[in-house]
């Protein structure tokens, strides 16, 4: 509730023409999202295109509204992103359902802030706006005429992380429309697995992991490790995943267990039109020709260190810094990996 309180205060400062119904709409979207506006995919995309033409850029294009959601303002987006915005809007709307009980609690917070004078809104105005409102059915609110006249709002409610990674999702959308493989490469702890899992959930597509392809003992030679990107079993990646997928065949692969240094039981993935391969070394020069699109994730050294420490502890952090990170950096520079990717996304403040 503290998050919502700050968001209500921030919006009041940003939008001085807000009326009671605009605060109510903000609270409503925080709890229920924007699902009431979803049409079929093509109709949603066409409406977004029309609004993009009418909308002007705003100071805060991705505006957090709490509960992991945001308002993505369409005036700051491109027409070629309309399809992916429609898809992400539909995904968020299906995932965020909310509850009457949660909404009532948030309305109580809004009223308390009005009574305390923490918002430029009188409690009587709020009560008047809610006088005939059926809380048991909680229908959506519309912006006030004053808000529309002052700010001409054109936005969609999305997951905040999705909106911040919109450029990456736009690449995924392009590959999904034409069919093929998407590579997500980048620095360790930059969120490759997180982004890939989200794309997999939104598109219902398979996700393959380069971490399943550590080198077996017999290939761990000085000559192999001298190659930029040599410390991944790229030959098996090509044989088990990339070639069969590209030929429209089912994928049968065996993840490598780095603890026992053995291959696990085979995993079978049916043929699919679109899939993601995530992990460092996905865009190795020997493999990149299989990909229809690629995204490179990066972040600050401070964020990298903090994330590795949080998930792996001090001992593993030392190994990352002394061994694996230098190998990755040599691969990135030696193989011009960031330059080979269509989009570079800094996730320092994203995940």
Foldseek 3Di string as FASTA:
>chain_A
DVVQLVLQLVVCVVQVLAFLLNNLLLLCCQFQNDLVPADPQVVQLVVLLVVLVVDADDPCQWADSHPQKTWHFSVPDDNLLSNLQSLQLNVQNVVRGGDLVSSVVSVVVVLVCQVVVVHPYHSVRNCVVCVPPDSVVPDHTDGDPSRCVVHVTDTHMGRSLCSQCSVVSSLQVVCLVVFFEEEEAEAPPLCQVVVQVVSCVSVVAAEAEQQQFFDAPVQPDPVQLVDQLSGGNVVLCCVQPLVQQLVQAWGWDWGADPVVSHTHHIDIGGHDRYYYYYYHSCCPVVHVVRGPAYEYEYEDPVLNLVSCCVVPNDVVSVCCVVPVRVSSVCNCVVRVVNVVHPYYRYCHVND
